[in-house]
Amino acid sequence: MRKQWLGICIAASLLAACTSDDGQQQATVAPPQPAVCNGPIVEISGADPVYEPLNASVNQDYQRDGKSYKIVQDPSRFSQAGFAAIYDAEPGSNLPASGETFDPMRAT
C-alpha cells in the first residue's frame, strides 16, 4: 500500500513540475479579424456600376407577413451589413425590388 502511495506522490510531483509558470510567458490573444472574401477576383467585362434612379412603381414601403418594411429614400446616409437574399434557381421565378428579371446563372 505504501508503494502505491509513493508512486502516486512521485507521479503528482512530476506533473506539477511540468505545469509550473515562471512568469515569463504571457498569453497573447490576437484581436478577431474582420471577415474577408477570399474568393478569386475576376474582371467581368461590361459590368460597370452605374447609378440608377429609384423606380417609383416598385420602391414603395410595403408589408409582408404582418411585418412593415420601409424603403430607404436617402441612400447617402444609409449603411448596413448582412446577408443577401437567394432567389430560386428557376429563371423568372422571383423578381427583385427593381422589377428586373433575375438570372441566377449570371450572378457572381
PDB file of N, CA and C in Angstrom:
ATOM      1  N   MET A   1       0.814  -1.183   0.000  1.00  0.00           N
ATOM      2  CA  MET A   1       0.000   0.000   0.000  1.00  0.00           C
ATOM      3  C   MET A   1       0.863   1.253   0.000  1.00  0.00           C
ATOM      4  N   ARG A   2       1.979   1.201   0.779  1.00  0.00           N
ATOM      5  CA  ARG A   2       2.864   2.362   0.838  1.00  0.00           C
ATOM      6  C   ARG A   2       3.530   2.604  -0.507  1.00  0.00           C
ATOM      7  N   LYS A   3       3.840   1.521  -1.236  1.00  0.00           N
ATOM      8  CA  LYS A   3       4.484   1.682  -2.539  1.00  0.00           C
ATOM      9  C   LYS A   3       3.537   2.363  -3.530  1.00  0.00           C
ATOM     10  N   GLN A   4       2.236   2.074  -3.421  1.00  0.00           N
ATOM     11  CA  GLN A   4       1.274   2.716  -4.313  1.00  0.00           C
ATOM     12  C   GLN A   4       1.199   4.214  -4.026  1.00  0.00           C
ATOM     13  N   TRP A   5       1.146   4.575  -2.746  1.00  0.00           N
ATOM     14  CA  TRP A   5       1.102   5.986  -2.382  1.00  0.00           C
ATOM     15  C   TRP A   5       2.385   6.695  -2.796  1.00  0.00           C
ATOM     16  N   LEU A   6       3.495   6.023  -2.657  1.00  0.00           N
ATOM     17  CA  LEU A   6       4.770   6.608  -3.062  1.00  0.00           C
ATOM     18  C   LEU A   6       4.774   6.856  -4.570  1.00  0.00           C
ATOM     19  N   GLY A   7       4.273   5.909  -5.345  1.00  0.00           N
ATOM     20  CA  GLY A   7       4.196   6.065  -6.801  1.00  0.00           C
ATOM     21  C   GLY A   7       3.266   7.198  -7.205  1.00  0.00           C
ATOM     22  N   ILE A   8       2.134   7.311  -6.505  1.00  0.00           N
ATOM     23  CA  ILE A   8       1.183   8.389  -6.798  1.00  0.00           C
ATOM     24  C   ILE A   8       1.802   9.745  -6.481  1.00  0.00           C
ATOM     25  N   CYS A   9       2.505   9.847  -5.358  1.00  0.00           N
ATOM     26  CA  CYS A   9       3.152  11.117  -4.983  1.00  0.00           C
ATOM     27  C   CYS A   9       4.230  11.506  -5.982  1.00  0.00           C
ATOM     28  N   ILE A  10       5.024  10.553  -6.449  1.00  0.00           N
ATOM     29  CA  ILE A  10       6.076  10.850  -7.430  1.00  0.00           C
ATOM     30  C   ILE A  10       5.450  11.312  -8.747  1.00  0.00           C
ATOM     31  N   ALA A  11       4.397  10.616  -9.195  1.00  0.00           N
ATOM     32  CA  ALA A  11       3.724  10.996 -10.444  1.00  0.00           C
ATOM     33  C   ALA A  11       3.115  12.390 -10.332  1.00  0.00           C
ATOM     34  N   ALA A  12       2.499  12.691  -9.179  1.00  0.00           N
ATOM     35  CA  ALA A  12       1.902  14.010  -8.975  1.00  0.00           C
ATOM     36  C   ALA A  12       2.970  15.094  -8.956  1.00  0.00           C
ATOM     37  N   SER A  13       4.122  14.812  -8.355  1.00  0.00           N
ATOM     38  CA  SER A  13       5.219  15.788  -8.318  1.00  0.00           C
ATOM     39  C   SER A  13       5.752  16.068  -9.716  1.00  0.00           C
ATOM     40  N   LEU A  14       5.905  15.019 -10.517  1.00  0.00           N
ATOM     41  CA  LEU A  14       6.390  15.208 -11.885  1.00  0.00           C
ATOM     42  C   LEU A  14       5.405  16.024 -12.723  1.00  0.00           C
ATOM     43  N   LEU A  15       4.128  15.738 -12.575  1.00  0.00           N
ATOM     44  CA  LEU A  15       3.124  16.502 -13.318  1.00  0.00           C
ATOM     45  C   LEU A  15       3.083  17.958 -12.864  1.00  0.00           C
ATOM     46  N   ALA A  16       3.211  18.187 -11.576  1.00  0.00           N
ATOM     47  CA  ALA A  16       3.200  19.555 -11.059  1.00  0.00           C
ATOM     48  C   ALA A  16       4.421  20.326 -11.543  1.00  0.00           C
ATOM     49  N   ALA A  17       5.564  19.659 -11.670  1.00  0.00           N
ATOM     50  CA  ALA A  17       6.780  20.323 -12.138  1.00  0.00           C
ATOM     51  C   ALA A  17       6.652  20.723 -13.601  1.00  0.00           C
ATOM     52  N   CYS A  18       5.925  19.951 -14.376  1.00  0.00           N
ATOM     53  CA  CYS A  18       5.756  20.262 -15.807  1.00  0.00           C
ATOM     54  C   CYS A  18       4.838  21.449 -16.032  1.00  0.00           C
ATOM     55  N   THR A  19       3.977  21.748 -15.083  1.00  0.00           N
ATOM     56  CA  THR A  19       2.993  22.802 -15.287  1.00  0.00           C
ATOM     57  C   THR A  19       3.323  24.087 -14.557  1.00  0.00           C
ATOM     58  N   SER A  20       4.503  24.212 -13.979  1.00  0.00           N
ATOM     59  CA  SER A  20       4.821  25.423 -13.232  1.00  0.00           C
ATOM     60  C   SER A  20       4.972  26.603 -14.184  1.00  0.00           C
ATOM     61  N   ASP A  21       4.552  27.780 -13.718  1.00  0.00           N
ATOM     62  CA  ASP A  21       4.607  29.005 -14.511  1.00  0.00           C
ATOM     63  C   ASP A  21       5.718  29.880 -13.955  1.00  0.00           C
ATOM     64  N   ASP A  22       6.697  30.201 -14.790  1.00  0.00           N
ATOM     65  CA  ASP A  22       7.815  31.007 -14.314  1.00  0.00           C
ATOM     66  C   ASP A  22       7.561  32.508 -14.472  1.00  0.00           C
ATOM     67  N   GLY A  23       6.402  32.898 -14.981  1.00  0.00           N
ATOM     68  CA  GLY A  23       6.062  34.305 -15.078  1.00  0.00           C
ATOM     69  C   GLY A  23       6.605  34.995 -16.311  1.00  0.00           C
ATOM     70  N   GLN A  24       7.412  34.342 -17.115  1.00  0.00           N
ATOM     71  CA  GLN A  24       7.982  34.984 -18.295  1.00  0.00           C
ATOM     72  C   GLN A  24       7.089  34.838 -19.517  1.00  0.00           C
ATOM     73  N   GLN A  25       6.257  33.845 -19.544  1.00  0.00           N
ATOM     74  CA  GLN A  25       5.380  33.651 -20.686  1.00  0.00           C
ATOM     75  C   GLN A  25       4.067  34.376 -20.438  1.00  0.00           C
ATOM     76  N   GLN A  26       3.633  35.110 -21.444  1.00  0.00           N
ATOM     77  CA  GLN A  26       2.367  35.814 -21.351  1.00  0.00           C
ATOM     78  C   GLN A  26       1.465  35.310 -22.467  1.00  0.00           C
ATOM     79  N   ALA A  27       0.245  35.088 -22.133  1.00  0.00           N
ATOM     80  CA  ALA A  27      -0.707  34.639 -23.147  1.00  0.00           C
ATOM     81  C   ALA A  27      -1.070  35.824 -24.037  1.00  0.00           C
ATOM     82  N   THR A  28      -0.894  35.653 -25.316  1.00  0.00           N
ATOM     83  CA  THR A  28      -1.252  36.704 -26.259  1.00  0.00           C
ATOM     84  C   THR A  28      -2.505  36.276 -26.999  1.00  0.00           C
ATOM     85  N   VAL A  29      -3.479  37.158 -27.000  1.00  0.00           N
ATOM     86  CA  VAL A  29      -4.735  36.891 -27.688  1.00  0.00           C
ATOM     87  C   VAL A  29      -4.829  37.867 -28.849  1.00  0.00           C
ATOM     88  N   ALA A  30      -4.878  37.333 -30.051  1.00  0.00           N
ATOM     89  CA  ALA A  30      -4.973  38.182 -31.237  1.00  0.00           C
ATOM     90  C   ALA A  30      -6.399  38.712 -31.356  1.00  0.00           C
ATOM     91  N   PRO A  31      -6.556  39.989 -31.729  1.00  0.00           N
ATOM     92  CA  PRO A  31      -7.906  40.519 -31.914  1.00  0.00           C
ATOM     93  C   PRO A  31      -8.568  39.830 -33.105  1.00  0.00           C
ATOM     94  N   PRO A  32      -9.879  39.644 -33.060  1.00  0.00           N
ATOM     95  CA  PRO A  32     -10.550  38.970 -34.174  1.00  0.00           C
ATOM     96  C   PRO A  32     -10.448  39.794 -35.455  1.00  0.00           C
ATOM     97  N   GLN A  33     -10.181  39.113 -36.541  1.00  0.00           N
ATOM     98  CA  GLN A  33     -10.049  39.769 -37.834  1.00  0.00           C
ATOM     99  C   GLN A  33     -11.418  39.848 -38.506  1.00  0.00           C
ATOM    100  N   PRO A  34     -11.684  40.927 -39.243  1.00  0.00           N
ATOM    101  CA  PRO A  34     -12.965  41.012 -39.948  1.00  0.00           C
ATOM    102  C   PRO A  34     -13.031  39.967 -41.064  1.00  0.00           C
ATOM    103  N   ALA A  35     -14.242  39.531 -41.345  1.00  0.00           N
ATOM    104  CA  ALA A  35     -14.430  38.535 -42.401  1.00  0.00           C
ATOM    105  C   ALA A  35     -14.086  39.154 -43.753  1.00  0.00           C
ATOM    106  N   VAL A  36     -13.328  38.428 -44.530  1.00  0.00           N
ATOM    107  CA  VAL A  36     -12.903  38.898 -45.843  1.00  0.00           C
ATOM    108  C   VAL A  36     -13.225  37.816 -46.855  1.00  0.00           C
ATOM    109  N   CYS A  37     -13.719  38.236 -47.995  1.00  0.00           N
ATOM    110  CA  CYS A  37     -13.990  37.274 -49.060  1.00  0.00           C
ATOM    111  C   CYS A  37     -12.663  36.870 -49.678  1.00  0.00           C
ATOM    112  N   ASN A  38     -12.352  35.595 -49.616  1.00  0.00           N
ATOM    113  CA  ASN A  38     -11.094  35.106 -50.158  1.00  0.00           C
ATOM    114  C   ASN A  38     -11.269  34.462 -51.523  1.00  0.00           C
ATOM    115  N   GLY A  39     -12.370  34.738 -52.167  1.00  0.00           N
ATOM    116  CA  GLY A  39     -12.626  34.151 -53.479  1.00  0.00           C
ATOM    117  C   GLY A  39     -11.758  34.807 -54.542  1.00  0.00           C
ATOM    118  N   PRO A  40     -11.740  34.207 -55.715  1.00  0.00           N
ATOM    119  CA  PRO A  40     -10.925  34.771 -56.795  1.00  0.00           C
ATOM    120  C   PRO A  40     -11.503  36.097 -57.282  1.00  0.00           C
ATOM    121  N   ILE A  41     -10.626  37.006 -57.631  1.00  0.00           N
ATOM    122  CA  ILE A  41     -11.040  38.298 -58.169  1.00  0.00           C
ATOM    123  C   ILE A  41     -10.955  38.203 -59.680  1.00  0.00           C
ATOM    124  N   VAL A  42     -12.095  38.338 -60.326  1.00  0.00           N
ATOM    125  CA  VAL A  42     -12.160  38.198 -61.773  1.00  0.00           C
ATOM    126  C   VAL A  42     -12.803  39.451 -62.343  1.00  0.00           C
ATOM    127  N   GLU A  43     -12.190  40.007 -63.355  1.00  0.00           N
ATOM    128  CA  GLU A  43     -12.751  41.170 -64.037  1.00  0.00           C
ATOM    129  C   GLU A  43     -13.916  40.709 -64.902  1.00  0.00           C
ATOM    130  N   ILE A  44     -15.075  41.341 -64.727  1.00  0.00           N
ATOM    131  CA  ILE A  44     -16.254  40.992 -65.509  1.00  0.00           C
ATOM    132  C   ILE A  44     -16.443  42.079 -66.556  1.00  0.00           C
ATOM    133  N   SER A  45     -16.310  41.710 -67.807  1.00  0.00           N
ATOM    134  CA  SER A  45     -16.430  42.706 -68.875  1.00  0.00           C
ATOM    135  C   SER A  45     -17.878  43.170 -68.984  1.00  0.00           C
ATOM    136  N   GLY A  46     -18.042  44.476 -69.161  1.00  0.00           N
ATOM    137  CA  GLY A  46     -19.374  45.047 -69.322  1.00  0.00           C
ATOM    138  C   GLY A  46     -20.128  45.260 -68.031  1.00  0.00           C
ATOM    139  N   ALA A  47     -19.541  44.969 -66.898  1.00  0.00           N
ATOM    140  CA  ALA A  47     -20.220  45.143 -65.617  1.00  0.00           C
ATOM    141  C   ALA A  47     -19.684  46.394 -64.940  1.00  0.00           C
ATOM    142  N   ASP A  48     -20.163  47.534 -65.380  1.00  0.00           N
ATOM    143  CA  ASP A  48     -19.752  48.807 -64.794  1.00  0.00           C
ATOM    144  C   ASP A  48     -20.863  49.311 -63.892  1.00  0.00           C
ATOM    145  N   PRO A  49     -20.562  49.603 -62.623  1.00  0.00           N
ATOM    146  CA  PRO A  49     -21.610  50.098 -61.732  1.00  0.00           C
ATOM    147  C   PRO A  49     -22.053  51.497 -62.148  1.00  0.00           C
ATOM    148  N   VAL A  50     -23.339  51.678 -62.234  1.00  0.00           N
ATOM    149  CA  VAL A  50     -23.910  52.978 -62.594  1.00  0.00           C
ATOM    150  C   VAL A  50     -25.048  53.274 -61.630  1.00  0.00           C
ATOM    151  N   TYR A  51     -25.308  54.550 -61.424  1.00  0.00           N
ATOM    152  CA  TYR A  51     -26.406  54.972 -60.566  1.00  0.00           C
ATOM    153  C   TYR A  51     -27.717  54.781 -61.313  1.00  0.00           C
ATOM    154  N   GLU A  52     -28.670  54.176 -60.655  1.00  0.00           N
ATOM    155  CA  GLU A  52     -29.999  54.027 -61.229  1.00  0.00           C
ATOM    156  C   GLU A  52     -30.978  54.740 -60.316  1.00  0.00           C
ATOM    157  N   PRO A  53     -31.772  55.645 -60.867  1.00  0.00           N
ATOM    158  CA  PRO A  53     -32.734  56.356 -60.024  1.00  0.00           C
ATOM    159  C   PRO A  53     -33.787  55.390 -59.481  1.00  0.00           C
ATOM    160  N   LEU A  54     -34.431  55.803 -58.388  1.00  0.00           N
ATOM    161  CA  LEU A  54     -35.466  54.971 -57.794  1.00  0.00           C
ATOM    162  C   LEU A  54     -36.611  54.777 -58.772  1.00  0.00           C
ATOM    163  N   ASN A  55     -37.131  53.582 -58.840  1.00  0.00           N
ATOM    164  CA  ASN A  55     -38.272  53.264 -59.680  1.00  0.00           C
ATOM    165  C   ASN A  55     -39.522  53.502 -58.843  1.00  0.00           C
ATOM    166  N   ALA A  56     -40.308  54.508 -59.205  1.00  0.00           N
ATOM    167  CA  ALA A  56     -41.457  54.905 -58.393  1.00  0.00           C
ATOM    168  C   ALA A  56     -42.510  53.809 -58.288  1.00  0.00           C
ATOM    169  N   SER A  57     -42.574  52.918 -59.257  1.00  0.00           N
ATOM    170  CA  SER A  57     -43.619  51.892 -59.220  1.00  0.00           C
ATOM    171  C   SER A  57     -43.285  50.746 -58.260  1.00  0.00           C
ATOM    172  N   VAL A  58     -42.029  50.533 -57.938  1.00  0.00           N
ATOM    173  CA  VAL A  58     -41.681  49.401 -57.079  1.00  0.00           C
ATOM    174  C   VAL A  58     -41.013  49.807 -55.774  1.00  0.00           C
ATOM    175  N   ASN A  59     -40.501  50.997 -55.657  1.00  0.00           N
ATOM    176  CA  ASN A  59     -39.783  51.401 -54.450  1.00  0.00           C
ATOM    177  C   ASN A  59     -40.713  52.101 -53.465  1.00  0.00           C
ATOM    178  N   GLN A  60     -41.701  51.360 -52.989  1.00  0.00           N
ATOM    179  CA  GLN A  60     -42.665  51.875 -52.027  1.00  0.00           C
ATOM    180  C   GLN A  60     -42.559  51.054 -50.744  1.00  0.00           C
ATOM    181  N   ASP A  61     -42.919  51.682 -49.615  1.00  0.00           N
ATOM    182  CA  ASP A  61     -42.984  50.936 -48.362  1.00  0.00           C
ATOM    183  C   ASP A  61     -44.005  49.807 -48.529  1.00  0.00           C
ATOM    184  N   TYR A  62     -43.774  48.682 -47.859  1.00  0.00           N
ATOM    185  CA  TYR A  62     -44.677  47.547 -48.038  1.00  0.00           C
ATOM    186  C   TYR A  62     -44.760  46.720 -46.766  1.00  0.00           C
ATOM    187  N   GLN A  63     -45.737  45.816 -46.743  1.00  0.00           N
ATOM    188  CA  GLN A  63     -45.926  44.891 -45.634  1.00  0.00           C
ATOM    189  C   GLN A  63     -45.918  43.475 -46.180  1.00  0.00           C
ATOM    190  N   ARG A  64     -45.332  42.572 -45.396  1.00  0.00           N
ATOM    191  CA  ARG A  64     -45.333  41.152 -45.774  1.00  0.00           C
ATOM    192  C   ARG A  64     -45.355  40.323 -44.499  1.00  0.00           C
ATOM    193  N   ASP A  65     -46.252  39.389 -44.440  1.00  0.00           N
ATOM    194  CA  ASP A  65     -46.413  38.508 -43.283  1.00  0.00           C
ATOM    195  C   ASP A  65     -46.571  39.292 -41.983  1.00  0.00           C
ATOM    196  N   GLY A  66     -47.306  40.386 -42.049  1.00  0.00           N
ATOM    197  CA  GLY A  66     -47.573  41.188 -40.861  1.00  0.00           C
ATOM    198  C   GLY A  66     -46.431  42.083 -40.422  1.00  0.00           C
ATOM    199  N   LYS A  67     -45.362  42.150 -41.192  1.00  0.00           N
ATOM    200  CA  LYS A  67     -44.217  42.984 -40.841  1.00  0.00           C
ATOM    201  C   LYS A  67     -44.090  44.117 -41.860  1.00  0.00           C
ATOM    202  N   SER A  68     -43.864  45.339 -41.375  1.00  0.00           N
ATOM    203  CA  SER A  68     -43.746  46.504 -42.258  1.00  0.00           C
ATOM    204  C   SER A  68     -42.293  46.750 -42.623  1.00  0.00           C
ATOM    205  N   TYR A  69     -42.071  47.104 -43.874  1.00  0.00           N
ATOM    206  CA  TYR A  69     -40.738  47.413 -44.380  1.00  0.00           C
ATOM    207  C   TYR A  69     -40.758  48.798 -44.997  1.00  0.00           C
ATOM    208  N   LYS A  70     -39.742  49.596 -44.673  1.00  0.00           N
ATOM    209  CA  LYS A  70     -39.640  50.947 -45.224  1.00  0.00           C
ATOM    210  C   LYS A  70     -38.475  51.008 -46.200  1.00  0.00           C
ATOM    211  N   ILE A  71     -38.716  51.602 -47.348  1.00  0.00           N
ATOM    212  CA  ILE A  71     -37.698  51.768 -48.371  1.00  0.00           C
ATOM    213  C   ILE A  71     -36.856  52.996 -48.026  1.00  0.00           C
ATOM    214  N   VAL A  72     -35.551  52.880 -48.132  1.00  0.00           N
ATOM    215  CA  VAL A  72     -34.642  53.987 -47.836  1.00  0.00           C
ATOM    216  C   VAL A  72     -34.784  55.037 -48.931  1.00  0.00           C
ATOM    217  N   GLN A  73     -35.127  56.252 -48.545  1.00  0.00           N
ATOM    218  CA  GLN A  73     -35.310  57.320 -49.526  1.00  0.00           C
ATOM    219  C   GLN A  73     -34.024  58.110 -49.759  1.00  0.00           C
ATOM    220  N   ASP A  74     -33.140  58.162 -48.755  1.00  0.00           N
ATOM    221  CA  ASP A  74     -31.878  58.899 -48.885  1.00  0.00           C
ATOM    222  C   ASP A  74     -30.719  57.930 -48.651  1.00  0.00           C
ATOM    223  N   PRO A  75     -30.222  57.269 -49.710  1.00  0.00           N
ATOM    224  CA  PRO A  75     -29.167  56.273 -49.525  1.00  0.00           C
ATOM    225  C   PRO A  75     -27.806  56.858 -49.157  1.00  0.00           C
ATOM    226  N   SER A  76     -27.643  58.179 -49.221  1.00  0.00           N
ATOM    227  CA  SER A  76     -26.343  58.771 -48.889  1.00  0.00           C
ATOM    228  C   SER A  76     -26.018  58.622 -47.403  1.00  0.00           C
ATOM    229  N   ARG A  77     -27.035  58.491 -46.546  1.00  0.00           N
ATOM    230  CA  ARG A  77     -26.804  58.350 -45.109  1.00  0.00           C
ATOM    231  C   ARG A  77     -27.147  56.947 -44.621  1.00  0.00           C
ATOM    232  N   PHE A  78     -27.135  55.973 -45.495  1.00  0.00           N
ATOM    233  CA  PHE A  78     -27.528  54.615 -45.126  1.00  0.00           C
ATOM    234  C   PHE A  78     -26.351  53.667 -45.256  1.00  0.00           C
ATOM    235  N   SER A  79     -26.160  52.834 -44.250  1.00  0.00           N
ATOM    236  CA  SER A  79     -25.122  51.813 -44.287  1.00  0.00           C
ATOM    237  C   SER A  79     -25.636  50.598 -43.531  1.00  0.00           C
ATOM    238  N   GLN A  80     -25.474  49.419 -44.138  1.00  0.00           N
ATOM    239  CA  GLN A  80     -25.958  48.211 -43.494  1.00  0.00           C
ATOM    240  C   GLN A  80     -25.135  47.034 -43.974  1.00  0.00           C
ATOM    241  N   ALA A  81     -24.896  46.097 -43.083  1.00  0.00           N
ATOM    242  CA  ALA A  81     -24.205  44.862 -43.442  1.00  0.00           C
ATOM    243  C   ALA A  81     -25.113  43.701 -43.095  1.00  0.00           C
ATOM    244  N   GLY A  82     -25.050  42.651 -43.906  1.00  0.00           N
ATOM    245  CA  GLY A  82     -25.887  41.490 -43.636  1.00  0.00           C
ATOM    246  C   GLY A  82     -25.778  40.481 -44.745  1.00  0.00           C
ATOM    247  N   PHE A  83     -26.734  39.596 -44.796  1.00  0.00           N
ATOM    248  CA  PHE A  83     -26.754  38.553 -45.810  1.00  0.00           C
ATOM    249  C   PHE A  83     -27.735  38.928 -46.914  1.00  0.00           C
ATOM    250  N   ALA A  84     -27.403  38.564 -48.128  1.00  0.00           N
ATOM    251  CA  ALA A  84     -28.268  38.847 -49.267  1.00  0.00           C
ATOM    252  C   ALA A  84     -29.308  37.743 -49.420  1.00  0.00           C
ATOM    253  N   ALA A  85     -30.394  38.071 -50.099  1.00  0.00           N
ATOM    254  CA  ALA A  85     -31.428  37.084 -50.369  1.00  0.00           C
ATOM    255  C   ALA A  85     -30.987  36.176 -51.510  1.00  0.00           C
ATOM    256  N   ILE A  86     -31.424  34.948 -51.455  1.00  0.00           N
ATOM    257  CA  ILE A  86     -31.116  33.995 -52.516  1.00  0.00           C
ATOM    258  C   ILE A  86     -32.414  33.677 -53.241  1.00  0.00           C
ATOM    259  N   TYR A  87     -32.419  33.884 -54.539  1.00  0.00           N
ATOM    260  CA  TYR A  87     -33.595  33.602 -55.340  1.00  0.00           C
ATOM    261  C   TYR A  87     -33.538  32.172 -55.855  1.00  0.00           C
ATOM    262  N   ASP A  88     -34.686  31.665 -56.266  1.00  0.00           N
ATOM    263  CA  ASP A  88     -34.747  30.304 -56.807  1.00  0.00           C
ATOM    264  C   ASP A  88     -33.871  30.176 -58.036  1.00  0.00           C
ATOM    265  N   ALA A  89     -33.439  28.960 -58.313  1.00  0.00           N
ATOM    266  CA  ALA A  89     -32.609  28.698 -59.484  1.00  0.00           C
ATOM    267  C   ALA A  89     -33.425  28.735 -60.768  1.00  0.00           C
ATOM    268  N   GLU A  90     -34.739  28.741 -60.659  1.00  0.00           N
ATOM    269  CA  GLU A  90     -35.589  28.765 -61.841  1.00  0.00           C
ATOM    270  C   GLU A  90     -35.687  30.201 -62.352  1.00  0.00           C
ATOM    271  N   PRO A  91     -35.204  30.486 -63.570  1.00  0.00           N
ATOM    272  CA  PRO A  91     -35.216  31.865 -64.081  1.00  0.00           C
ATOM    273  C   PRO A  91     -36.636  32.424 -64.133  1.00  0.00           C
ATOM    274  N   GLY A  92     -36.774  33.663 -63.698  1.00  0.00           N
ATOM    275  CA  GLY A  92     -38.061  34.338 -63.737  1.00  0.00           C
ATOM    276  C   GLY A  92     -39.009  33.957 -62.622  1.00  0.00           C
ATOM    277  N   SER A  93     -38.578  33.130 -61.675  1.00  0.00           N
ATOM    278  CA  SER A  93     -39.488  32.702 -60.616  1.00  0.00           C
ATOM    279  C   SER A  93     -39.719  33.799 -59.586  1.00  0.00           C
ATOM    280  N   ASN A  94     -38.730  34.632 -59.340  1.00  0.00           N
ATOM    281  CA  ASN A  94     -38.860  35.746 -58.399  1.00  0.00           C
ATOM    282  C   ASN A  94     -38.323  37.004 -59.053  1.00  0.00           C
ATOM    283  N   LEU A  95     -38.970  38.109 -58.773  1.00  0.00           N
ATOM    284  CA  LEU A  95     -38.486  39.387 -59.271  1.00  0.00           C
ATOM    285  C   LEU A  95     -37.908  40.167 -58.107  1.00  0.00           C
ATOM    286  N   PRO A  96     -36.758  40.826 -58.294  1.00  0.00           N
ATOM    287  CA  PRO A  96     -36.212  41.672 -57.236  1.00  0.00           C
ATOM    288  C   PRO A  96     -37.027  42.959 -57.122  1.00  0.00           C
ATOM    289  N   ALA A  97     -36.695  43.793 -56.165  1.00  0.00           N
ATOM    290  CA  ALA A  97     -37.449  45.020 -55.916  1.00  0.00           C
ATOM    291  C   ALA A  97     -37.437  45.966 -57.104  1.00  0.00           C
ATOM    292  N   SER A  98     -36.398  45.900 -57.929  1.00  0.00           N
ATOM    293  CA  SER A  98     -36.338  46.793 -59.087  1.00  0.00           C
ATOM    294  C   SER A  98     -37.288  46.366 -60.194  1.00  0.00           C
ATOM    295  N   GLY A  99     -37.832  45.155 -60.121  1.00  0.00           N
ATOM    296  CA  GLY A  99     -38.746  44.677 -61.139  1.00  0.00           C
ATOM    297  C   GLY A  99     -38.061  44.039 -62.328  1.00  0.00           C
ATOM    298  N   GLU A 100     -36.734  44.043 -62.325  1.00  0.00           N
ATOM    299  CA  GLU A 100     -35.992  43.441 -63.427  1.00  0.00           C
ATOM    300  C   GLU A 100     -36.008  41.925 -63.287  1.00  0.00           C
ATOM    301  N   THR A 101     -35.836  41.226 -64.400  1.00  0.00           N
ATOM    302  CA  THR A 101     -35.743  39.774 -64.315  1.00  0.00           C
ATOM    303  C   THR A 101     -34.405  39.404 -63.697  1.00  0.00           C
ATOM    304  N   PHE A 102     -34.392  38.333 -62.956  1.00  0.00           N
ATOM    305  CA  PHE A 102     -33.187  37.906 -62.253  1.00  0.00           C
ATOM    306  C   PHE A 102     -32.730  36.584 -62.833  1.00  0.00           C
ATOM    307  N   ASP A 103     -31.478  36.532 -63.274  1.00  0.00           N
ATOM    308  CA  ASP A 103     -30.895  35.302 -63.804  1.00  0.00           C
ATOM    309  C   ASP A 103     -29.801  34.855 -62.839  1.00  0.00           C
ATOM    310  N   PRO A 104     -30.036  33.817 -62.023  1.00  0.00           N
ATOM    311  CA  PRO A 104     -29.037  33.401 -61.041  1.00  0.00           C
ATOM    312  C   PRO A 104     -27.764  32.863 -61.671  1.00  0.00           C
ATOM    313  N   MET A 105     -27.828  32.467 -62.932  1.00  0.00           N
ATOM    314  CA  MET A 105     -26.634  31.944 -63.591  1.00  0.00           C
ATOM    315  C   MET A 105     -25.648  33.066 -63.925  1.00  0.00           C
ATOM    316  N   ARG A 106     -26.113  34.306 -63.968  1.00  0.00           N
ATOM    317  CA  ARG A 106     -25.236  35.438 -64.254  1.00  0.00           C
ATOM    318  C   ARG A 106     -24.723  36.096 -62.982  1.00  0.00           C
ATOM    319  N   ALA A 107     -25.251  35.698 -61.836  1.00  0.00           N
ATOM    320  CA  ALA A 107     -24.828  36.298 -60.568  1.00  0.00           C
ATOM    321  C   ALA A 107     -23.432  35.814 -60.213  1.00  0.00           C
ATOM    322  N   THR A 108     -22.658  36.701 -59.602  1.00  0.00           N
ATOM    323  CA  THR A 108     -21.298  36.332 -59.205  1.00  0.00           C
ATOM    324  C   THR A 108     -21.207  36.275 -57.706  1.00  0.00           C
TER     325      THR A 108
END
